Protein backbone atom coordinates (compact mmCIF):
# COMPACT_ATOMS: atom_id res chain seq x y z
CA UNK A 1 0.00 0.00 0.00
CA UNK A 2 1.23 3.50 -0.83
CA UNK A 3 -0.09 6.45 1.14
CA UNK A 4 0.34 10.05 0.06
CA UNK A 5 0.13 12.57 2.89
CA UNK A 6 0.07 15.97 1.23
CA UNK A 7 -1.60 17.90 4.02
CA UNK A 8 0.40 16.85 7.06
CA UNK A 9 -2.20 14.55 8.60
CA UNK A 10 0.06 11.52 9.10
CA UNK A 11 3.45 13.23 9.18
CA UNK A 12 4.31 16.57 10.78
CA UNK A 13 5.14 18.32 7.51
CA UNK A 14 6.61 21.36 9.24
CA UNK A 15 9.38 19.27 10.84
CA UNK A 16 11.02 18.74 7.45
CA UNK A 17 9.52 21.41 5.23
CA UNK A 18 10.41 24.47 7.31
CA UNK A 19 14.12 23.69 7.78
CA UNK A 20 14.35 22.60 4.13
CA UNK A 21 12.89 25.95 3.04
CA UNK A 22 15.28 27.82 5.33
CA UNK A 23 18.21 25.99 3.72
CA UNK A 24 16.72 26.51 0.28
CA UNK A 25 16.63 30.29 0.69
CA UNK A 26 20.19 30.26 2.06
CA UNK A 27 21.27 28.34 -1.04
CA UNK A 28 20.00 31.17 -3.25
CA UNK A 29 21.06 34.02 -0.91
CA UNK A 30 17.49 35.18 -0.42
CA UNK A 31 15.75 36.23 2.79
CA UNK A 32 13.60 33.52 4.32
CA UNK A 33 9.94 34.63 4.06
CA UNK A 34 8.92 33.08 7.40
CA UNK A 35 7.26 29.91 8.59
CA UNK A 36 3.70 31.15 8.19
CA UNK A 37 4.17 31.97 4.50
CA UNK A 38 6.11 28.77 3.82
CA UNK A 39 3.43 26.57 5.39
CA UNK A 40 0.84 28.04 3.01
CA UNK A 41 2.59 26.02 0.28
CA UNK A 42 1.72 22.68 1.87
CA UNK A 43 -0.88 20.85 -0.19
CA UNK A 44 -0.80 23.39 -3.02
CA UNK A 45 -0.21 22.28 -6.62
CA UNK A 46 3.25 22.53 -8.16
CA UNK A 47 2.19 25.53 -10.28
CA UNK A 48 1.59 27.49 -7.07
CA UNK A 49 5.12 26.66 -5.88
CA UNK A 50 6.55 27.78 -9.23
CA UNK A 51 4.75 31.14 -9.03
CA UNK A 52 5.84 31.52 -5.42
CA UNK A 53 9.49 31.07 -6.40
CA UNK A 54 9.14 33.73 -9.08
CA UNK A 55 7.61 36.15 -6.55
CA UNK A 56 10.61 35.56 -4.29
CA UNK A 57 13.05 36.27 -7.10
CA UNK A 58 14.54 32.78 -7.31
CA UNK A 59 15.91 33.22 -10.80
CA UNK A 60 16.92 29.67 -11.62
CA UNK A 61 15.42 27.01 -13.89
CA UNK A 62 12.39 25.58 -12.15
CA UNK A 63 13.47 21.94 -12.49
CA UNK A 64 16.77 22.79 -10.77
CA UNK A 65 15.07 24.58 -7.87
CA UNK A 66 12.40 21.89 -7.58
CA UNK A 67 15.05 19.15 -7.44
CA UNK A 68 17.05 21.08 -4.81
CA UNK A 69 13.97 21.57 -2.63
CA UNK A 70 13.12 17.87 -2.82
CA UNK A 71 16.68 16.91 -1.86
CA UNK A 72 16.62 19.22 1.15
CA UNK A 73 13.20 18.09 2.33
CA UNK A 74 13.98 14.38 1.98
CA UNK A 75 17.18 14.98 3.96
CA UNK A 76 15.14 16.38 6.85
CA UNK A 77 12.53 13.63 6.66
CA UNK A 78 15.24 11.03 7.31
CA UNK A 79 16.91 12.95 10.18
């Protein structure tokens, strides 16, 4: 059985997502927008994340930034 938990019901999403986002913004030398804003991304479609990155002036190819974010988040999930 495979279970997808996109809204944080089974896993405390914040425990991995927040530190991953903090590291992500450090990677691109951008100010971290804060936990409240970051948590609004949870459960949103990928297009929302893409637009959010543009608003925060992350001027890199989307696939590169998406891959980096996934790497960071997975690293925190397994800590």
